[in-house]
Amino acid sequence: VECVGRENLKKVQTGGCVLAPNHVSAIDPVFVVITRFWGKRMVVFAKKELFEINALLTWFFRCMGALCVRGTRDELETIDKTVEVCKNGGTLLIFPEGTRSKDGRVGRGKTGVALIAAQTGAPVVPVGITFTGKLHFRSQIIVRFGKPIQAAELALGEDPKPRELAALKNRIMTEIKGLVDEPPLPPAEPVQE
């Protein structure tokens, strides 16, 4: 797993933030967790199917702070919890698409990430996750952290209009797509002894 743009995370160390990656595999949260390395605990907004894959992944997701969402009612409660996490300086990982991409392309996204950003005033860090071909043990996985979209740029109140949320969601998704569309990294040079 290779990381690009980790310096962008340093720009949001002093308060809460929302990490918004594209979603291409069930273990995307693992890729983000192992590449961000800056010492903050993270809360992951996760649908119930992730907790049903196997016992080891369920344990791992719970250890890294995943909140299980089972339906619309749970979603509202979970959004309230995540708003508190961000307001208290925590980091939230939420996949704006809401589900994994079936063809590897970045989807349209939903407004949940925009709503949380508006309600917390937390910056949104777009994240692009890419790998070539099918995901397997030796795949080159690249996690790219984009420049944070600062709360001041969002200019939304705590009760934003649907049109404002849609505009913010579109901006976030455009940033994510730009990160995903970047060319792959060149192969690493072998270490000479």
C-alpha atoms as a PDB file:
ATOM      1  CA  VAL A   1       0.000   0.000   0.000  1.00  0.00           C
ATOM      2  CA  GLU A   2       1.500   3.318  -1.072  1.00  0.00           C
ATOM      3  CA  CYS A   3       0.438   6.715   0.209  1.00  0.00           C
ATOM      4  CA  VAL A   4       0.493  10.013  -1.660  1.00  0.00           C
ATOM      5  CA  GLY A   5      -0.378  13.392  -0.138  1.00  0.00           C
ATOM      6  CA  ARG A   6      -0.020  12.514   3.540  1.00  0.00           C
ATOM      7  CA  GLU A   7       1.188  16.112   4.061  1.00  0.00           C
ATOM      8  CA  ASN A   8      -2.399  17.232   3.396  1.00  0.00           C
ATOM      9  CA  LEU A   9      -3.446  15.507   6.619  1.00  0.00           C
ATOM     10  CA  LYS A  10      -1.099  17.715   8.632  1.00  0.00           C
ATOM     11  CA  LYS A  11      -3.201  20.703   7.603  1.00  0.00           C
ATOM     12  CA  VAL A  12      -6.143  19.378   9.641  1.00  0.00           C
ATOM     13  CA  GLN A  13      -4.392  17.998  12.736  1.00  0.00           C
ATOM     14  CA  THR A  14      -5.727  20.598  15.133  1.00  0.00           C
ATOM     15  CA  GLY A  15      -9.430  19.757  14.863  1.00  0.00           C
ATOM     16  CA  GLY A  16     -11.943  17.266  13.589  1.00  0.00           C
ATOM     17  CA  CYS A  17     -12.087  16.317   9.937  1.00  0.00           C
ATOM     18  CA  VAL A  18     -13.974  14.108   7.521  1.00  0.00           C
ATOM     19  CA  LEU A  19     -12.033  11.712   5.286  1.00  0.00           C
ATOM     20  CA  ALA A  20     -14.052  11.030   2.123  1.00  0.00           C
ATOM     21  CA  PRO A  21     -12.650   8.220  -0.064  1.00  0.00           C
ATOM     22  CA  ASN A  22     -14.071   6.415  -3.064  1.00  0.00           C
ATOM     23  CA  HIS A  23     -15.186   2.858  -2.376  1.00  0.00           C
ATOM     24  CA  VAL A  24     -13.802  -0.018  -4.465  1.00  0.00           C
ATOM     25  CA  SER A  25     -13.407  -2.943  -2.028  1.00  0.00           C
ATOM     26  CA  ALA A  26     -14.675  -4.179   1.329  1.00  0.00           C
ATOM     27  CA  ILE A  27     -11.296  -3.523   2.914  1.00  0.00           C
ATOM     28  CA  ASP A  28     -10.932   0.119   1.819  1.00  0.00           C
ATOM     29  CA  PRO A  29     -11.155   1.316   5.454  1.00  0.00           C
ATOM     30  CA  VAL A  30      -8.077  -0.789   6.226  1.00  0.00           C
ATOM     31  CA  PHE A  31      -6.097   0.924   3.439  1.00  0.00           C
ATOM     32  CA  VAL A  32      -6.996   4.378   4.775  1.00  0.00           C
ATOM     33  CA  VAL A  33      -6.268   3.445   8.406  1.00  0.00           C
ATOM     34  CA  ILE A  34      -2.812   2.009   7.671  1.00  0.00           C
ATOM     35  CA  THR A  35      -1.742   4.948   5.490  1.00  0.00           C
ATOM     36  CA  ARG A  36      -2.872   7.932   7.551  1.00  0.00           C
ATOM     37  CA  PHE A  37      -0.490   7.403  10.544  1.00  0.00           C
ATOM     38  CA  TRP A  38      -1.028  10.588  12.453  1.00  0.00           C
ATOM     39  CA  GLY A  39      -2.207   9.364  15.806  1.00  0.00           C
ATOM     40  CA  LYS A  40      -5.871  10.320  15.872  1.00  0.00           C
ATOM     41  CA  ARG A  41      -8.554   7.765  16.526  1.00  0.00           C
ATOM     42  CA  MET A  42     -10.942   7.464  13.625  1.00  0.00           C
ATOM     43  CA  VAL A  43     -14.645   6.664  13.483  1.00  0.00           C
ATOM     44  CA  VAL A  44     -15.819   4.767  10.417  1.00  0.00           C
ATOM     45  CA  PHE A  45     -19.398   5.030   9.149  1.00  0.00           C
ATOM     46  CA  ALA A  46     -20.034   1.437   7.971  1.00  0.00           C
ATOM     47  CA  LYS A  47     -23.019  -0.518   6.708  1.00  0.00           C
ATOM     48  CA  LYS A  48     -23.994  -3.751   8.423  1.00  0.00           C
ATOM     49  CA  GLU A  49     -22.740  -5.982   5.591  1.00  0.00           C
ATOM     50  CA  LEU A  50     -19.137  -5.124   6.517  1.00  0.00           C
ATOM     51  CA  PHE A  51     -19.728  -6.684   9.922  1.00  0.00           C
ATOM     52  CA  GLU A  52     -20.955  -9.906   8.306  1.00  0.00           C
ATOM     53  CA  ILE A  53     -17.900 -10.739   6.149  1.00  0.00           C
ATOM     54  CA  ASN A  54     -16.029 -12.702   8.817  1.00  0.00           C
ATOM     55  CA  ALA A  55     -15.209 -12.543  12.536  1.00  0.00           C
ATOM     56  CA  LEU A  56     -11.676 -11.185  12.056  1.00  0.00           C
ATOM     57  CA  LEU A  57     -12.803  -8.225   9.931  1.00  0.00           C
ATOM     58  CA  THR A  58     -15.707  -7.561  12.310  1.00  0.00           C
ATOM     59  CA  TRP A  59     -13.238  -7.425  15.213  1.00  0.00           C
ATOM     60  CA  PHE A  60     -10.887  -5.167  13.229  1.00  0.00           C
ATOM     61  CA  PHE A  61     -13.668  -2.756  12.191  1.00  0.00           C
ATOM     62  CA  ARG A  62     -14.881  -2.477  15.794  1.00  0.00           C
ATOM     63  CA  CYS A  63     -11.297  -1.867  17.039  1.00  0.00           C
ATOM     64  CA  MET A  64     -10.818   0.948  14.546  1.00  0.00           C
ATOM     65  CA  GLY A  65     -14.044   2.647  15.628  1.00  0.00           C
ATOM     66  CA  ALA A  66     -16.587   1.536  13.015  1.00  0.00           C
ATOM     67  CA  LEU A  67     -20.203   2.486  13.660  1.00  0.00           C
ATOM     68  CA  CYS A  68     -22.580  -0.097  12.195  1.00  0.00           C
ATOM     69  CA  VAL A  69     -25.523   1.305  10.240  1.00  0.00           C
ATOM     70  CA  ARG A  70     -28.463  -1.066   9.777  1.00  0.00           C
ATOM     71  CA  GLY A  71     -31.045   1.206   8.178  1.00  0.00           C
ATOM     72  CA  THR A  72     -32.465   4.717   7.873  1.00  0.00           C
ATOM     73  CA  ARG A  73     -33.218   5.093  11.603  1.00  0.00           C
ATOM     74  CA  ASP A  74     -29.705   3.929  12.502  1.00  0.00           C
ATOM     75  CA  GLU A  75     -28.289   6.316   9.888  1.00  0.00           C
ATOM     76  CA  LEU A  76     -29.831   9.326  11.626  1.00  0.00           C
ATOM     77  CA  GLU A  77     -28.541   8.207  15.034  1.00  0.00           C
ATOM     78  CA  THR A  78     -25.111   7.471  13.576  1.00  0.00           C
ATOM     79  CA  ILE A  79     -24.957  10.871  11.884  1.00  0.00           C
ATOM     80  CA  ASP A  80     -25.694  12.489  15.270  1.00  0.00           C
ATOM     81  CA  LYS A  81     -22.840  10.480  16.850  1.00  0.00           C
ATOM     82  CA  THR A  82     -20.430  11.351  14.054  1.00  0.00           C
ATOM     83  CA  VAL A  83     -21.283  15.040  14.261  1.00  0.00           C
ATOM     84  CA  GLU A  84     -20.282  14.922  17.935  1.00  0.00           C
ATOM     85  CA  VAL A  85     -17.035  13.092  17.081  1.00  0.00           C
ATOM     86  CA  CYS A  86     -16.030  15.790  14.579  1.00  0.00           C
ATOM     87  CA  LYS A  87     -17.072  18.650  16.863  1.00  0.00           C
ATOM     88  CA  ASN A  88     -14.856  17.141  19.569  1.00  0.00           C
ATOM     89  CA  GLY A  89     -11.806  17.006  17.276  1.00  0.00           C
ATOM     90  CA  GLY A  90     -12.155  13.422  16.017  1.00  0.00           C
ATOM     91  CA  THR A  91     -11.747  12.048  12.532  1.00  0.00           C
ATOM     92  CA  LEU A  92     -14.609  10.491  10.593  1.00  0.00           C
ATOM     93  CA  LEU A  93     -14.173   8.163   7.631  1.00  0.00           C
ATOM     94  CA  ILE A  94     -17.259   8.067   5.414  1.00  0.00           C
ATOM     95  CA  PHE A  95     -17.622   6.773   1.874  1.00  0.00           C
ATOM     96  CA  PRO A  96     -19.724   9.374   0.028  1.00  0.00           C
ATOM     97  CA  GLU A  97     -20.843   6.855  -2.603  1.00  0.00           C
ATOM     98  CA  GLY A  98     -22.572   4.821   0.111  1.00  0.00           C
ATOM     99  CA  THR A  99     -21.618   1.519  -1.517  1.00  0.00           C
ATOM    100  CA  ARG A 100     -18.769  -0.088  -3.402  1.00  0.00           C
ATOM    101  CA  SER A 101     -18.302   0.636  -7.096  1.00  0.00           C
ATOM    102  CA  LYS A 102     -19.018  -2.377  -9.273  1.00  0.00           C
ATOM    103  CA  ASP A 103     -16.888  -1.151 -12.190  1.00  0.00           C
ATOM    104  CA  GLY A 104     -14.112   0.735 -10.362  1.00  0.00           C
ATOM    105  CA  ARG A 105     -15.349   4.178 -11.445  1.00  0.00           C
ATOM    106  CA  VAL A 106     -16.247   6.874  -8.926  1.00  0.00           C
ATOM    107  CA  GLY A 107     -20.025   7.038  -8.429  1.00  0.00           C
ATOM    108  CA  ARG A 108     -22.367   9.995  -7.934  1.00  0.00           C
ATOM    109  CA  GLY A 109     -22.165  10.120  -4.164  1.00  0.00           C
ATOM    110  CA  LYS A 110     -24.771  11.016  -1.575  1.00  0.00           C
ATOM    111  CA  THR A 111     -25.179  14.167   0.480  1.00  0.00           C
ATOM    112  CA  GLY A 112     -24.456  12.594   3.908  1.00  0.00           C
ATOM    113  CA  VAL A 113     -20.795  13.663   3.900  1.00  0.00           C
ATOM    114  CA  ALA A 114     -21.800  17.210   2.931  1.00  0.00           C
ATOM    115  CA  LEU A 115     -24.405  17.316   5.706  1.00  0.00           C
ATOM    116  CA  ILE A 116     -21.888  16.182   8.328  1.00  0.00           C
ATOM    117  CA  ALA A 117     -19.322  18.722   7.102  1.00  0.00           C
ATOM    118  CA  ALA A 118     -21.939  21.489   7.209  1.00  0.00           C
ATOM    119  CA  GLN A 119     -23.133  20.575  10.701  1.00  0.00           C
ATOM    120  CA  THR A 120     -19.643  20.246  12.184  1.00  0.00           C
ATOM    121  CA  GLY A 121     -17.684  22.882  10.311  1.00  0.00           C
ATOM    122  CA  ALA A 122     -14.994  20.212   9.874  1.00  0.00           C
ATOM    123  CA  PRO A 123     -12.844  20.230   6.741  1.00  0.00           C
ATOM    124  CA  VAL A 124     -13.332  17.416   4.227  1.00  0.00           C
ATOM    125  CA  VAL A 125     -10.253  15.593   2.935  1.00  0.00           C
ATOM    126  CA  PRO A 126     -10.995  13.846  -0.378  1.00  0.00           C
ATOM    127  CA  VAL A 127      -9.256  10.478  -0.715  1.00  0.00           C
ATOM    128  CA  GLY A 128      -8.692   8.396  -3.855  1.00  0.00           C
ATOM    129  CA  ILE A 129      -8.057   4.655  -3.577  1.00  0.00           C
ATOM    130  CA  THR A 130      -6.812   2.868  -6.687  1.00  0.00           C
ATOM    131  CA  PHE A 131      -5.308  -0.449  -7.650  1.00  0.00           C
ATOM    132  CA  THR A 132      -4.690  -2.054 -10.997  1.00  0.00           C
ATOM    133  CA  GLY A 133      -6.607  -5.128 -12.104  1.00  0.00           C
ATOM    134  CA  LYS A 134      -8.221  -7.342  -9.498  1.00  0.00           C
ATOM    135  CA  LEU A 135      -7.303  -6.799  -5.863  1.00  0.00           C
ATOM    136  CA  HIS A 136      -4.953  -9.542  -4.687  1.00  0.00           C
ATOM    137  CA  PHE A 137      -1.980  -9.979  -2.363  1.00  0.00           C
ATOM    138  CA  ARG A 138       0.596  -8.305  -4.635  1.00  0.00           C
ATOM    139  CA  SER A 139      -1.606  -5.530  -6.073  1.00  0.00           C
ATOM    140  CA  GLN A 140      -0.200  -2.019  -6.071  1.00  0.00           C
ATOM    141  CA  ILE A 141      -2.668  -0.095  -3.908  1.00  0.00           C
ATOM    142  CA  ILE A 142      -2.397   3.690  -3.888  1.00  0.00           C
ATOM    143  CA  VAL A 143      -4.164   5.881  -1.350  1.00  0.00           C
ATOM    144  CA  ARG A 144      -4.071   9.566  -2.341  1.00  0.00           C
ATOM    145  CA  PHE A 145      -5.057  12.228   0.187  1.00  0.00           C
ATOM    146  CA  GLY A 146      -6.194  15.431  -1.491  1.00  0.00           C
ATOM    147  CA  LYS A 147      -6.062  18.991  -0.229  1.00  0.00           C
ATOM    148  CA  PRO A 148      -8.630  19.617   2.513  1.00  0.00           C
ATOM    149  CA  ILE A 149     -11.751  21.539   1.633  1.00  0.00           C
ATOM    150  CA  GLN A 150     -11.787  23.920   4.608  1.00  0.00           C
ATOM    151  CA  ALA A 151     -14.957  24.651   6.565  1.00  0.00           C
ATOM    152  CA  ALA A 152     -14.721  28.349   5.678  1.00  0.00           C
ATOM    153  CA  GLU A 153     -14.888  27.413   1.980  1.00  0.00           C
ATOM    154  CA  LEU A 154     -18.049  25.411   2.621  1.00  0.00           C
ATOM    155  CA  ALA A 155     -19.914  28.519   3.815  1.00  0.00           C
ATOM    156  CA  LEU A 156     -22.923  26.485   4.905  1.00  0.00           C
ATOM    157  CA  GLY A 157     -24.927  26.989   8.067  1.00  0.00           C
ATOM    158  CA  GLU A 158     -26.009  24.165  10.368  1.00  0.00           C
ATOM    159  CA  ASP A 159     -29.257  23.874   8.403  1.00  0.00           C
ATOM    160  CA  PRO A 160     -28.147  23.934   4.740  1.00  0.00           C
ATOM    161  CA  LYS A 161     -30.562  23.792   1.822  1.00  0.00           C
ATOM    162  CA  PRO A 162     -30.644  20.618  -0.333  1.00  0.00           C
ATOM    163  CA  ARG A 163     -29.222  22.552  -3.308  1.00  0.00           C
ATOM    164  CA  GLU A 164     -26.224  23.679  -1.194  1.00  0.00           C
ATOM    165  CA  LEU A 165     -25.622  20.108   0.021  1.00  0.00           C
ATOM    166  CA  ALA A 166     -25.784  18.784  -3.540  1.00  0.00           C
ATOM    167  CA  ALA A 167     -23.267  21.417  -4.706  1.00  0.00           C
ATOM    168  CA  LEU A 168     -20.847  20.507  -1.895  1.00  0.00           C
ATOM    169  CA  LYS A 169     -21.303  16.789  -2.563  1.00  0.00           C
ATOM    170  CA  ASN A 170     -20.541  17.363  -6.254  1.00  0.00           C
ATOM    171  CA  ARG A 171     -17.381  19.293  -5.385  1.00  0.00           C
ATOM    172  CA  ILE A 172     -16.198  16.518  -3.048  1.00  0.00           C
ATOM    173  CA  MET A 173     -16.916  13.832  -5.652  1.00  0.00           C
ATOM    174  CA  THR A 174     -15.087  15.838  -8.358  1.00  0.00           C
ATOM    175  CA  GLU A 175     -12.009  16.054  -6.096  1.00  0.00           C
ATOM    176  CA  ILE A 176     -12.141  12.305  -5.374  1.00  0.00           C
ATOM    177  CA  LYS A 177     -12.485  11.503  -9.087  1.00  0.00           C
ATOM    178  CA  GLY A 178      -9.452  13.681  -9.829  1.00  0.00           C
ATOM    179  CA  LEU A 179      -7.385  11.703  -7.295  1.00  0.00           C
ATOM    180  CA  VAL A 180      -8.557   8.355  -8.680  1.00  0.00           C
ATOM    181  CA  ASP A 181      -7.833   9.406 -12.268  1.00  0.00           C
ATOM    182  CA  GLU A 182      -4.188  10.293 -11.534  1.00  0.00           C
ATOM    183  CA  PRO A 183      -1.743   7.955 -13.302  1.00  0.00           C
ATOM    184  CA  PRO A 184      -0.331   4.973 -11.389  1.00  0.00           C
ATOM    185  CA  LEU A 185       2.970   5.373  -9.589  1.00  0.00           C
ATOM    186  CA  PRO A 186       6.071   3.990 -11.319  1.00  0.00           C
ATOM    187  CA  PRO A 187       7.300   0.664  -9.915  1.00  0.00           C
ATOM    188  CA  ALA A 188       9.598   1.029  -6.901  1.00  0.00           C
ATOM    189  CA  GLU A 189      13.299   0.624  -7.581  1.00  0.00           C
ATOM    190  CA  PRO A 190      14.777  -2.564  -6.113  1.00  0.00           C
ATOM    191  CA  VAL A 191      16.951  -2.014  -3.046  1.00  0.00           C
ATOM    192  CA  GLN A 192      20.660  -2.502  -3.777  1.00  0.00           C
ATOM    193  CA  GLU A 193      22.721  -4.177  -1.071  1.00  0.00           C
END
